[in-house]
Amino acid sequence: LNYTMYRLSTTTSQKHTVWPAVSGSRYTQWCCGECWRTSRRALREGPLAAPKVLALLHDSFVSSWALVTELKSHAGNTILPGVSMIASLSLDAYTFPVQILIQEASGYVVAAINANQVLDAELNDTMIQQGFHDPAEFVYYKFLEEGLKKYRDIFID
């Protein structure tokens, strides 16, 4: 239904910018609106409210949301081909119901995870040993951390 995407780019201060974007078609929201609201609420009240996740997002990412219908509109943009390409790459990576993406500023998808994977995680000893008590927080944090590392490996090192 929706997805969150994080765009990464290098700024002059060497801080990476994350831009989360969520996408979902209006039809899908209408058809499965409760699913989308539940996922969004679970993410917002769970991992997106966790201090460790917030700190990593604040330090390294710029977040945003975009509806699938908006991305489809931008994908057909003939005046701004760069915007069109980024929207197309985002749509290509989208899976129902909520997709979370980390993208480089050009639109290259660095990492992707479905919100169901985040929300369906079960607590284990590794998570507890690393100071996490919410499995969704752990999975989301690790996704961001590994995506940032992959970005640095590809685009900076």
Protein backbone atom coordinates (compact mmCIF):
# COMPACT_ATOMS: atom_id res chain seq x y z
CA LEU A 1 0.00 0.00 0.00
CA ASN A 2 2.62 2.45 1.07
CA TYR A 3 6.35 2.46 1.37
CA THR A 4 8.91 4.61 3.00
CA MET A 5 11.93 5.56 1.04
CA TYR A 6 15.11 7.08 2.29
CA ARG A 7 17.25 9.06 -0.11
CA LEU A 8 20.92 9.36 0.61
CA SER A 9 23.30 11.97 -0.64
CA THR A 10 26.56 13.43 0.50
CA THR A 11 26.46 17.02 1.64
CA THR A 12 29.37 19.35 2.16
CA SER A 13 29.37 18.45 5.85
CA GLN A 14 29.68 14.75 4.94
CA LYS A 15 26.26 14.15 6.46
CA HIS A 16 24.10 11.79 4.46
CA THR A 17 20.60 12.89 3.82
CA VAL A 18 17.75 10.45 4.27
CA TRP A 19 14.48 11.15 2.64
CA PRO A 20 11.75 8.61 3.50
CA ALA A 21 8.90 8.51 1.10
CA VAL A 22 5.84 6.38 1.47
CA SER A 23 3.89 5.39 -1.56
CA GLY A 24 0.52 3.83 -2.03
CA SER A 25 -2.14 4.01 -4.67
CA ARG A 26 -5.42 5.64 -3.76
CA TYR A 27 -7.19 2.53 -4.95
CA THR A 28 -5.11 0.38 -2.63
CA GLN A 29 -5.62 2.76 0.27
CA TRP A 30 -9.32 2.71 -0.33
CA CYS A 31 -9.39 -1.04 -0.76
CA CYS A 32 -7.14 -1.86 2.17
CA GLY A 33 -7.14 1.40 4.07
CA GLU A 34 -7.24 -0.25 7.48
CA CYS A 35 -4.15 -2.31 6.63
CA TRP A 36 -2.31 0.83 5.63
CA ARG A 37 -3.42 2.78 8.72
CA THR A 38 -2.43 -0.10 10.96
CA SER A 39 1.01 -0.48 9.38
CA ARG A 40 1.63 3.26 9.42
CA ARG A 41 0.54 3.55 13.05
CA ALA A 42 2.58 0.50 14.07
CA LEU A 43 5.70 1.95 12.42
CA ARG A 44 5.11 5.46 13.75
CA GLU A 45 4.40 4.32 17.32
CA GLY A 46 7.02 1.56 17.22
CA PRO A 47 10.40 1.81 15.50
CA LEU A 48 9.90 5.39 14.28
CA ALA A 49 9.40 6.51 17.89
CA ALA A 50 12.46 4.67 19.22
CA PRO A 51 15.35 6.90 20.36
CA LYS A 52 18.04 4.81 18.59
CA VAL A 53 16.14 4.84 15.30
CA LEU A 54 15.32 8.54 15.60
CA ALA A 55 18.95 9.38 16.31
CA LEU A 56 20.17 7.46 13.25
CA LEU A 57 17.47 9.00 11.05
CA HIS A 58 18.25 12.49 12.35
CA ASP A 59 22.01 12.10 11.88
CA SER A 60 22.04 10.39 8.50
CA PHE A 61 18.73 10.65 6.67
CA VAL A 62 16.05 12.97 5.36
CA SER A 63 12.59 11.40 5.43
CA SER A 64 9.60 11.91 3.15
CA TRP A 65 6.47 10.12 1.95
CA ALA A 66 4.99 9.89 -1.53
CA LEU A 67 1.82 8.26 -2.80
CA VAL A 68 2.15 5.72 -5.57
CA THR A 69 -0.23 7.85 -7.61
CA GLU A 70 2.20 10.76 -7.24
CA LEU A 71 5.13 8.60 -8.25
CA LYS A 72 3.20 7.37 -11.28
CA SER A 73 2.50 10.96 -12.24
CA HIS A 74 6.17 11.90 -11.84
CA ALA A 75 7.30 8.78 -13.71
CA GLY A 76 5.56 10.15 -16.78
CA ASN A 77 7.18 13.58 -16.49
CA THR A 78 8.79 14.43 -19.81
CA ILE A 79 9.92 17.88 -18.71
CA LEU A 80 12.06 16.65 -15.80
CA PRO A 81 13.63 13.34 -16.89
CA GLY A 82 15.65 13.02 -13.66
CA VAL A 83 12.50 13.18 -11.57
CA SER A 84 10.87 10.70 -13.92
CA MET A 85 13.75 8.24 -13.52
CA ILE A 86 13.75 8.47 -9.71
CA ALA A 87 9.98 7.96 -9.58
CA SER A 88 10.26 4.97 -11.93
CA LEU A 89 13.01 3.36 -9.85
CA SER A 90 10.90 3.88 -6.73
CA LEU A 91 7.87 2.27 -8.35
CA ASP A 92 9.96 -0.66 -9.58
CA ALA A 93 11.04 -1.38 -6.00
CA TYR A 94 7.57 -1.05 -4.47
CA THR A 95 5.78 -4.09 -3.01
CA PHE A 96 2.46 -4.21 -1.21
CA PRO A 97 1.51 -3.16 1.42
CA VAL A 98 4.27 -0.91 2.81
CA GLN A 99 7.75 -0.76 1.33
CA ILE A 100 10.68 0.99 2.95
CA LEU A 101 13.48 2.06 0.63
CA ILE A 102 16.86 3.67 1.04
CA GLN A 103 17.78 5.43 -2.18
CA GLU A 104 20.78 7.37 -3.36
CA ALA A 105 19.98 10.85 -4.67
CA SER A 106 19.97 9.55 -8.27
CA GLY A 107 17.19 7.12 -7.33
CA TYR A 108 19.42 4.05 -7.12
CA VAL A 109 17.81 1.71 -4.58
CA VAL A 110 20.46 0.95 -1.98
CA ALA A 111 18.25 -1.17 0.29
CA ALA A 112 14.62 -2.20 0.61
CA ILE A 113 12.50 -3.96 3.20
CA ASN A 114 8.79 -4.57 3.45
CA ALA A 115 7.09 -3.26 6.59
CA ASN A 116 5.69 -6.74 7.22
CA GLN A 117 9.26 -7.97 7.76
CA VAL A 118 9.78 -5.21 10.30
CA LEU A 119 6.51 -5.72 12.14
CA ASP A 120 6.57 -9.53 12.10
CA ALA A 121 10.02 -9.87 13.69
CA GLU A 122 10.29 -11.84 16.91
CA LEU A 123 12.51 -10.89 19.83
CA ASN A 124 15.66 -12.99 20.25
CA ASP A 125 18.80 -13.01 22.39
CA THR A 126 20.86 -11.09 19.82
CA MET A 127 18.42 -8.20 19.91
CA ILE A 128 18.41 -8.10 23.71
CA GLN A 129 22.22 -8.31 23.88
CA GLN A 130 22.41 -5.28 21.60
CA GLY A 131 20.08 -3.30 23.87
CA PHE A 132 16.81 -3.68 21.97
CA HIS A 133 13.57 -4.86 23.55
CA ASP A 134 11.30 -4.29 20.57
CA PRO A 135 12.02 -6.57 17.60
CA ALA A 136 10.54 -4.09 15.10
CA GLU A 137 12.87 -1.39 16.42
CA PHE A 138 15.86 -3.72 16.05
CA VAL A 139 14.99 -4.78 12.49
CA TYR A 140 14.29 -1.19 11.39
CA TYR A 141 17.50 0.09 13.01
CA LYS A 142 19.58 -2.68 11.44
CA PHE A 143 17.98 -2.01 8.06
CA LEU A 144 18.95 1.67 8.26
CA GLU A 145 22.44 0.89 9.59
CA GLU A 146 23.16 -1.73 6.91
CA GLY A 147 21.67 0.48 4.17
CA LEU A 148 23.91 3.35 5.23
CA LYS A 149 26.95 1.05 5.24
CA LYS A 150 26.06 -0.30 1.79
CA TYR A 151 25.61 3.27 0.52
CA ARG A 152 29.05 4.26 1.84
CA ASP A 153 30.63 1.13 0.34
CA ILE A 154 29.14 1.85 -3.08
CA PHE A 155 29.28 5.62 -3.31
CA ILE A 156 31.95 6.87 -0.92
CA ASP A 157 34.71 4.28 -0.47
